[in-house]
PDB file of N, CA and C in Angstrom:
ATOM      1  N   MET A   1     -22.390 171.800  67.314  1.00  0.00           N
ATOM      2  CA  MET A   1     -21.124 172.275  66.804  1.00  0.00           C
ATOM      3  C   MET A   1     -20.467 173.173  67.851  1.00  0.00           C
ATOM      4  N   HIS A   2     -19.210 172.974  68.076  1.00  0.00           N
ATOM      5  CA  HIS A   2     -18.470 173.725  69.077  1.00  0.00           C
ATOM      6  C   HIS A   2     -17.961 175.020  68.463  1.00  0.00           C
ATOM      7  N   SER A   3     -18.270 176.131  69.072  1.00  0.00           N
ATOM      8  CA  SER A   3     -17.776 177.408  68.557  1.00  0.00           C
ATOM      9  C   SER A   3     -16.450 177.748  69.223  1.00  0.00           C
ATOM     10  N   PRO A   4     -15.553 178.406  68.489  1.00  0.00           N
ATOM     11  CA  PRO A   4     -14.259 178.748  69.068  1.00  0.00           C
ATOM     12  C   PRO A   4     -14.390 179.774  70.187  1.00  0.00           C
ATOM     13  N   SER A   5     -13.416 179.777  71.046  1.00  0.00           N
ATOM     14  CA  SER A   5     -13.373 180.723  72.148  1.00  0.00           C
ATOM     15  C   SER A   5     -13.320 182.146  71.597  1.00  0.00           C
ATOM     16  N   PRO A   6     -14.022 183.097  72.197  1.00  0.00           N
ATOM     17  CA  PRO A   6     -14.008 184.466  71.690  1.00  0.00           C
ATOM     18  C   PRO A   6     -12.632 185.126  71.798  1.00  0.00           C
ATOM     19  N   THR A   7     -11.754 184.574  72.636  1.00  0.00           N
ATOM     20  CA  THR A   7     -10.423 185.160  72.773  1.00  0.00           C
ATOM     21  C   THR A   7      -9.433 184.601  71.755  1.00  0.00           C
ATOM     22  N   PHE A   8      -9.816 183.524  71.040  1.00  0.00           N
ATOM     23  CA  PHE A   8      -8.914 182.921  70.066  1.00  0.00           C
ATOM     24  C   PHE A   8      -8.957 183.695  68.756  1.00  0.00           C
ATOM     25  N   THR A   9      -7.802 184.130  68.304  1.00  0.00           N
ATOM     26  CA  THR A   9      -7.687 184.813  67.021  1.00  0.00           C
ATOM     27  C   THR A   9      -6.639 184.076  66.195  1.00  0.00           C
ATOM     28  N   PRO A  10      -7.041 183.521  65.029  1.00  0.00           N
ATOM     29  CA  PRO A  10      -6.056 182.825  64.206  1.00  0.00           C
ATOM     30  C   PRO A  10      -4.919 183.768  63.823  1.00  0.00           C
ATOM     31  N   THR A  11      -3.717 183.268  63.912  1.00  0.00           N
ATOM     32  CA  THR A  11      -2.554 184.055  63.529  1.00  0.00           C
ATOM     33  C   THR A  11      -1.869 183.385  62.356  1.00  0.00           C
ATOM     34  N   ARG A  12      -0.879 184.038  61.807  1.00  0.00           N
ATOM     35  CA  ARG A  12      -0.136 183.500  60.679  1.00  0.00           C
ATOM     36  C   ARG A  12       0.497 182.155  61.027  1.00  0.00           C
ATOM     37  N   SER A  13       0.876 181.960  62.293  1.00  0.00           N
ATOM     38  CA  SER A  13       1.539 180.723  62.695  1.00  0.00           C
ATOM     39  C   SER A  13       0.607 179.513  62.655  1.00  0.00           C
ATOM     40  N   THR A  14      -0.724 179.724  62.629  1.00  0.00           N
ATOM     41  CA  THR A  14      -1.650 178.600  62.571  1.00  0.00           C
ATOM     42  C   THR A  14      -1.942 178.196  61.130  1.00  0.00           C
ATOM     43  N   ARG A  15      -1.427 178.921  60.171  1.00  0.00           N
ATOM     44  CA  ARG A  15      -1.638 178.620  58.763  1.00  0.00           C
ATOM     45  C   ARG A  15      -0.371 178.032  58.172  1.00  0.00           C
ATOM     46  N   SER A  16      -0.431 177.715  56.877  1.00  0.00           N
ATOM     47  CA  SER A  16       0.760 177.185  56.220  1.00  0.00           C
ATOM     48  C   SER A  16       1.835 178.257  56.172  1.00  0.00           C
ATOM     49  N   PRO A  17       3.115 177.846  56.098  1.00  0.00           N
ATOM     50  CA  PRO A  17       4.198 178.829  56.129  1.00  0.00           C
ATOM     51  C   PRO A  17       4.139 179.791  54.953  1.00  0.00           C
ATOM     52  N   ALA A  18       4.415 181.041  55.210  1.00  0.00           N
ATOM     53  CA  ALA A  18       4.426 182.053  54.161  1.00  0.00           C
ATOM     54  C   ALA A  18       5.764 182.015  53.431  1.00  0.00           C
ATOM     55  N   VAL A  19       5.751 182.493  52.213  1.00  0.00           N
ATOM     56  CA  VAL A  19       6.991 182.576  51.453  1.00  0.00           C
ATOM     57  C   VAL A  19       7.926 183.530  52.186  1.00  0.00           C
ATOM     58  N   GLY A  20       9.182 183.142  52.309  1.00  0.00           N
ATOM     59  CA  GLY A  20      10.148 183.986  52.997  1.00  0.00           C
ATOM     60  C   GLY A  20      10.386 183.587  54.438  1.00  0.00           C
ATOM     61  N   THR A  21       9.572 182.670  54.969  1.00  0.00           N
ATOM     62  CA  THR A  21       9.823 182.195  56.322  1.00  0.00           C
ATOM     63  C   THR A  21      10.722 180.979  56.248  1.00  0.00           C
ATOM     64  N   CYS A  22      11.169 180.506  57.375  1.00  0.00           N
ATOM     65  CA  CYS A  22      12.029 179.319  57.434  1.00  0.00           C
ATOM     66  C   CYS A  22      11.219 178.164  58.011  1.00  0.00           C
ATOM     67  N   PRO A  23      10.484 177.442  57.173  1.00  0.00           N
ATOM     68  CA  PRO A  23       9.681 176.337  57.683  1.00  0.00           C
ATOM     69  C   PRO A  23      10.567 175.200  58.187  1.00  0.00           C
ATOM     70  N   LEU A  24      10.010 174.370  59.030  1.00  0.00           N
ATOM     71  CA  LEU A  24      10.775 173.265  59.589  1.00  0.00           C
ATOM     72  C   LEU A  24      11.215 172.269  58.527  1.00  0.00           C
ATOM     73  N   ASP A  25      10.494 172.186  57.424  1.00  0.00           N
ATOM     74  CA  ASP A  25      10.818 171.211  56.379  1.00  0.00           C
ATOM     75  C   ASP A  25      11.711 171.798  55.290  1.00  0.00           C
ATOM     76  N   ARG A  26      12.503 172.803  55.607  1.00  0.00           N
ATOM     77  CA  ARG A  26      13.286 173.491  54.586  1.00  0.00           C
ATOM     78  C   ARG A  26      14.334 172.606  53.932  1.00  0.00           C
ATOM     79  N   HIS A  27      14.745 171.515  54.582  1.00  0.00           N
ATOM     80  CA  HIS A  27      15.759 170.642  54.012  1.00  0.00           C
ATOM     81  C   HIS A  27      15.156 169.481  53.226  1.00  0.00           C
ATOM     82  N   VAL A  28      13.840 169.372  53.208  1.00  0.00           N
ATOM     83  CA  VAL A  28      13.172 168.294  52.492  1.00  0.00           C
ATOM     84  C   VAL A  28      13.033 168.700  51.028  1.00  0.00           C
ATOM     85  N   PRO A  29      13.539 167.871  50.106  1.00  0.00           N
ATOM     86  CA  PRO A  29      13.398 168.205  48.680  1.00  0.00           C
ATOM     87  C   PRO A  29      11.931 168.220  48.259  1.00  0.00           C
ATOM     88  N   LEU A  30      11.607 169.118  47.342  1.00  0.00           N
ATOM     89  CA  LEU A  30      10.238 169.268  46.857  1.00  0.00           C
ATOM     90  C   LEU A  30      10.148 168.865  45.395  1.00  0.00           C
ATOM     91  N   GLY A  31       9.020 168.297  45.020  1.00  0.00           N
ATOM     92  CA  GLY A  31       8.751 168.030  43.620  1.00  0.00           C
ATOM     93  C   GLY A  31       8.435 169.335  42.911  1.00  0.00           C
ATOM     94  N   PRO A  32       8.332 169.309  41.586  1.00  0.00           N
ATOM     95  CA  PRO A  32       8.086 170.548  40.838  1.00  0.00           C
ATOM     96  C   PRO A  32       6.790 171.269  41.229  1.00  0.00           C
ATOM     97  N   ASP A  33       5.712 170.518  41.451  1.00  0.00           N
ATOM     98  CA  ASP A  33       4.444 171.154  41.847  1.00  0.00           C
ATOM     99  C   ASP A  33       4.573 171.833  43.206  1.00  0.00           C
ATOM    100  N   GLN A  34       5.201 171.137  44.150  1.00  0.00           N
ATOM    101  CA  GLN A  34       5.380 171.695  45.493  1.00  0.00           C
ATOM    102  C   GLN A  34       6.308 172.912  45.465  1.00  0.00           C
ATOM    103  N   ALA A  35       7.380 172.829  44.668  1.00  0.00           N
ATOM    104  CA  ALA A  35       8.330 173.942  44.588  1.00  0.00           C
ATOM    105  C   ALA A  35       7.669 175.176  43.982  1.00  0.00           C
ATOM    106  N   ALA A  36       6.858 174.978  42.945  1.00  0.00           N
ATOM    107  CA  ALA A  36       6.153 176.109  42.326  1.00  0.00           C
ATOM    108  C   ALA A  36       5.201 176.750  43.327  1.00  0.00           C
ATOM    109  N   ARG A  37       4.483 175.918  44.067  1.00  0.00           N
ATOM    110  CA  ARG A  37       3.551 176.446  45.070  1.00  0.00           C
ATOM    111  C   ARG A  37       4.297 177.196  46.166  1.00  0.00           C
ATOM    112  N   ARG A  38       5.436 176.662  46.619  1.00  0.00           N
ATOM    113  CA  ARG A  38       6.228 177.314  47.668  1.00  0.00           C
ATOM    114  C   ARG A  38       6.717 178.683  47.204  1.00  0.00           C
ATOM    115  N   LEU A  39       7.076 178.786  45.903  1.00  0.00           N
ATOM    116  CA  LEU A  39       7.534 180.068  45.357  1.00  0.00           C
ATOM    117  C   LEU A  39       6.387 181.020  45.036  1.00  0.00           C
ATOM    118  N   GLY A  40       5.171 180.485  44.989  1.00  0.00           N
ATOM    119  CA  GLY A  40       4.007 181.315  44.687  1.00  0.00           C
ATOM    120  C   GLY A  40       3.879 181.640  43.212  1.00  0.00           C
ATOM    121  N   VAL A  41       4.325 180.712  42.349  1.00  0.00           N
ATOM    122  CA  VAL A  41       4.228 180.922  40.903  1.00  0.00           C
ATOM    123  C   VAL A  41       3.437 179.782  40.276  1.00  0.00           C
ATOM    124  N   ARG A  42       2.967 180.020  39.051  1.00  0.00           N
ATOM    125  CA  ARG A  42       2.283 178.963  38.318  1.00  0.00           C
ATOM    126  C   ARG A  42       3.285 177.886  37.927  1.00  0.00           C
ATOM    127  N   ARG A  43       2.813 176.656  37.776  1.00  0.00           N
ATOM    128  CA  ARG A  43       3.702 175.547  37.417  1.00  0.00           C
ATOM    129  C   ARG A  43       4.357 175.795  36.060  1.00  0.00           C
ATOM    130  N   VAL A  44       3.635 176.363  35.108  1.00  0.00           N
ATOM    131  CA  VAL A  44       4.200 176.633  33.782  1.00  0.00           C
ATOM    132  C   VAL A  44       5.346 177.641  33.876  1.00  0.00           C
ATOM    133  N   ASP A  45       5.231 178.631  34.759  1.00  0.00           N
ATOM    134  CA  ASP A  45       6.311 179.601  34.961  1.00  0.00           C
ATOM    135  C   ASP A  45       7.505 178.949  35.653  1.00  0.00           C
ATOM    136  N   PHE A  46       7.233 178.045  36.584  1.00  0.00           N
ATOM    137  CA  PHE A  46       8.312 177.319  37.247  1.00  0.00           C
ATOM    138  C   PHE A  46       9.072 176.472  36.225  1.00  0.00           C
ATOM    139  N   ASP A  47       8.341 175.761  35.366  1.00  0.00           N
ATOM    140  CA  ASP A  47       8.977 174.941  34.328  1.00  0.00           C
ATOM    141  C   ASP A  47       9.832 175.786  33.395  1.00  0.00           C
ATOM    142  N   ALA A  48       9.377 176.991  33.076  1.00  0.00           N
ATOM    143  CA  ALA A  48      10.152 177.892  32.214  1.00  0.00           C
ATOM    144  C   ALA A  48      11.446 178.310  32.914  1.00  0.00           C
ATOM    145  N   ALA A  49      11.394 178.580  34.216  1.00  0.00           N
ATOM    146  CA  ALA A  49      12.595 178.961  34.970  1.00  0.00           C
ATOM    147  C   ALA A  49      13.607 177.813  34.991  1.00  0.00           C
ATOM    148  N   VAL A  50      13.117 176.575  35.086  1.00  0.00           N
ATOM    149  CA  VAL A  50      14.007 175.411  35.058  1.00  0.00           C
ATOM    150  C   VAL A  50      14.608 175.255  33.662  1.00  0.00           C
ATOM    151  N   ARG A  51      13.772 175.357  32.642  1.00  0.00           N
ATOM    152  CA  ARG A  51      14.223 175.206  31.255  1.00  0.00           C
ATOM    153  C   ARG A  51      15.276 176.259  30.892  1.00  0.00           C
ATOM    154  N   LEU A  52      15.133 177.480  31.421  1.00  0.00           N
ATOM    155  CA  LEU A  52      16.077 178.555  31.134  1.00  0.00           C
ATOM    156  C   LEU A  52      17.327 178.508  32.015  1.00  0.00           C
ATOM    157  N   GLY A  53      17.354 177.607  32.983  1.00  0.00           N
ATOM    158  CA  GLY A  53      18.535 177.431  33.813  1.00  0.00           C
ATOM    159  C   GLY A  53      18.580 178.281  35.068  1.00  0.00           C
ATOM    160  N   PHE A  54      17.484 178.976  35.396  1.00  0.00           N
ATOM    161  CA  PHE A  54      17.450 179.782  36.621  1.00  0.00           C
ATOM    162  C   PHE A  54      17.368 178.897  37.859  1.00  0.00           C
ATOM    163  N   LEU A  55      16.742 177.735  37.730  1.00  0.00           N
ATOM    164  CA  LEU A  55      16.610 176.771  38.813  1.00  0.00           C
ATOM    165  C   LEU A  55      17.102 175.418  38.318  1.00  0.00           C
ATOM    166  N   SER A  56      17.661 174.639  39.219  1.00  0.00           N
ATOM    167  CA  SER A  56      18.081 173.292  38.836  1.00  0.00           C
ATOM    168  C   SER A  56      17.770 172.323  39.976  1.00  0.00           C
ATOM    169  N   PRO A  57      17.436 171.088  39.630  1.00  0.00           N
ATOM    170  CA  PRO A  57      17.104 170.109  40.663  1.00  0.00           C
ATOM    171  C   PRO A  57      18.339 169.708  41.464  1.00  0.00           C
ATOM    172  N   VAL A  58      18.108 169.315  42.717  1.00  0.00           N
ATOM    173  CA  VAL A  58      19.191 168.837  43.570  1.00  0.00           C
ATOM    174  C   VAL A  58      19.260 167.315  43.568  1.00  0.00           C
ATOM    175  N   GLY A  59      18.280 166.685  42.954  1.00  0.00           N
ATOM    176  CA  GLY A  59      18.244 165.225  42.878  1.00  0.00           C
ATOM    177  C   GLY A  59      17.033 164.774  42.095  1.00  0.00           C
ATOM    178  N   THR A  60      16.876 163.467  41.991  1.00  0.00           N
ATOM    179  CA  THR A  60      15.721 162.896  41.308  1.00  0.00           C
ATOM    180  C   THR A  60      15.218 161.693  42.100  1.00  0.00           C
ATOM    181  N   VAL A  61      14.000 161.286  41.810  1.00  0.00           N
ATOM    182  CA  VAL A  61      13.412 160.102  42.418  1.00  0.00           C
ATOM    183  C   VAL A  61      12.574 159.420  41.332  1.00  0.00           C
ATOM    184  N   GLU A  62      12.593 158.084  41.325  1.00  0.00           N
ATOM    185  CA  GLU A  62      11.767 157.328  40.391  1.00  0.00           C
ATOM    186  C   GLU A  62      10.467 156.956  41.080  1.00  0.00           C
ATOM    187  N   ILE A  63       9.353 157.245  40.410  1.00  0.00           N
ATOM    188  CA  ILE A  63       8.033 156.930  40.946  1.00  0.00           C
ATOM    189  C   ILE A  63       7.330 156.023  39.955  1.00  0.00           C
ATOM    190  N   ASP A  64       6.786 154.913  40.457  1.00  0.00           N
ATOM    191  CA  ASP A  64       6.069 153.961  39.610  1.00  0.00           C
ATOM    192  C   ASP A  64       4.572 154.247  39.713  1.00  0.00           C
ATOM    193  N   TYR A  65       4.016 154.785  38.637  1.00  0.00           N
ATOM    194  CA  TYR A  65       2.595 155.124  38.621  1.00  0.00           C
ATOM    195  C   TYR A  65       1.721 153.947  38.217  1.00  0.00           C
ATOM    196  N   LYS A  66       2.312 152.783  38.034  1.00  0.00           N
ATOM    197  CA  LYS A  66       1.618 151.538  37.675  1.00  0.00           C
ATOM    198  C   LYS A  66       0.711 151.709  36.466  1.00  0.00           C
ATOM    199  N   ARG A  67      -0.550 152.037  36.677  1.00  0.00           N
ATOM    200  CA  ARG A  67      -1.529 152.092  35.581  1.00  0.00           C
ATOM    201  C   ARG A  67      -1.484 153.379  34.773  1.00  0.00           C
ATOM    202  N   GLN A  68      -0.847 154.426  35.264  1.00  0.00           N
ATOM    203  CA  GLN A  68      -0.836 155.702  34.549  1.00  0.00           C
ATOM    204  C   GLN A  68       0.485 155.968  33.837  1.00  0.00           C
ATOM    205  N   GLY A  69       1.108 154.973  33.285  1.00  0.00           N
ATOM    206  CA  GLY A  69       2.288 155.238  32.473  1.00  0.00           C
ATOM    207  C   GLY A  69       3.587 154.650  32.975  1.00  0.00           C
ATOM    208  N   GLY A  70       3.563 153.905  34.054  1.00  0.00           N
ATOM    209  CA  GLY A  70       4.774 153.246  34.525  1.00  0.00           C
ATOM    210  C   GLY A  70       5.698 154.148  35.321  1.00  0.00           C
ATOM    211  N   VAL A  71       6.998 153.841  35.260  1.00  0.00           N
ATOM    212  CA  VAL A  71       8.003 154.541  36.055  1.00  0.00           C
ATOM    213  C   VAL A  71       8.360 155.872  35.405  1.00  0.00           C
ATOM    214  N   ARG A  72       8.376 156.916  36.223  1.00  0.00           N
ATOM    215  CA  ARG A  72       8.773 158.247  35.762  1.00  0.00           C
ATOM    216  C   ARG A  72       9.816 158.802  36.708  1.00  0.00           C
ATOM    217  N   VAL A  73      10.734 159.574  36.162  1.00  0.00           N
ATOM    218  CA  VAL A  73      11.760 160.232  36.966  1.00  0.00           C
ATOM    219  C   VAL A  73      11.282 161.646  37.280  1.00  0.00           C
ATOM    220  N   VAL A  74      11.197 161.968  38.569  1.00  0.00           N
ATOM    221  CA  VAL A  74      10.716 163.278  39.015  1.00  0.00           C
ATOM    222  C   VAL A  74      11.893 164.049  39.622  1.00  0.00           C
ATOM    223  N   PRO A  75      12.164 165.266  39.121  1.00  0.00           N
ATOM    224  CA  PRO A  75      13.238 166.062  39.711  1.00  0.00           C
ATOM    225  C   PRO A  75      12.827 166.600  41.078  1.00  0.00           C
ATOM    226  N   LEU A  76      13.791 166.746  41.969  1.00  0.00           N
ATOM    227  CA  LEU A  76      13.553 167.289  43.305  1.00  0.00           C
ATOM    228  C   LEU A  76      14.324 168.590  43.465  1.00  0.00           C
ATOM    229  N   PHE A  77      13.688 169.569  44.098  1.00  0.00           N
ATOM    230  CA  PHE A  77      14.273 170.888  44.277  1.00  0.00           C
ATOM    231  C   PHE A  77      14.417 171.187  45.758  1.00  0.00           C
ATOM    232  N   SER A  78      15.453 171.922  46.113  1.00  0.00           N
ATOM    233  CA  SER A  78      15.700 172.275  47.503  1.00  0.00           C
ATOM    234  C   SER A  78      14.740 173.368  47.961  1.00  0.00           C
ATOM    235  N   ALA A  79      14.279 173.261  49.201  1.00  0.00           N
ATOM    236  CA  ALA A  79      13.419 174.293  49.779  1.00  0.00           C
ATOM    237  C   ALA A  79      14.222 175.245  50.642  1.00  0.00           C
ATOM    238  N   PHE A  80      15.528 175.042  50.732  1.00  0.00           N
ATOM    239  CA  PHE A  80      16.368 175.890  51.563  1.00  0.00           C
ATOM    240  C   PHE A  80      16.527 177.257  50.920  1.00  0.00           C
ATOM    241  N   PRO A  81      16.259 178.341  51.632  1.00  0.00           N
ATOM    242  CA  PRO A  81      16.374 179.689  51.058  1.00  0.00           C
ATOM    243  C   PRO A  81      17.807 180.017  50.667  1.00  0.00           C
ATOM    244  N   VAL A  82      17.997 180.501  49.478  1.00  0.00           N
ATOM    245  CA  VAL A  82      19.331 180.880  49.009  1.00  0.00           C
ATOM    246  C   VAL A  82      19.783 182.128  49.735  1.00  0.00           C
ATOM    247  N   GLY A  83      21.004 182.131  50.227  1.00  0.00           N
ATOM    248  CA  GLY A  83      21.556 183.295  50.901  1.00  0.00           C
ATOM    249  C   GLY A  83      20.993 183.542  52.283  1.00  0.00           C
ATOM    250  N   SER A  84      20.379 182.508  52.871  1.00  0.00           N
ATOM    251  CA  SER A  84      19.802 182.681  54.190  1.00  0.00           C
ATOM    252  C   SER A  84      20.336 181.607  55.125  1.00  0.00           C
ATOM    253  N   ALA A  85      20.625 181.974  56.342  1.00  0.00           N
ATOM    254  CA  ALA A  85      21.135 181.005  57.312  1.00  0.00           C
ATOM    255  C   ALA A  85      20.028 180.425  58.163  1.00  0.00           C
ATOM    256  N   CYS A  86      18.835 181.005  58.096  1.00  0.00           N
ATOM    257  CA  CYS A  86      17.669 180.568  58.902  1.00  0.00           C
ATOM    258  C   CYS A  86      18.114 180.053  60.229  1.00  0.00           C
TER     259      CYS A  86
END
């Protein structure tokens, strides 16, 4: 097994983007699970925010799950930070 160099120290940039940063994929729409994870909240709390009108989808996509229930419409949410020019 190869051990890492003693001078290498993992930094925040080697991990997934933190909330509040401007990731390269900020213009890619996210599904509800991904959007909840990006915001750092539970999916049930994210669903409540959508139901109450605090968040709204920017589009939808149809996904065919074949054996698990057929075609479903999945809402897509923007990952672009509100009020930020990044």
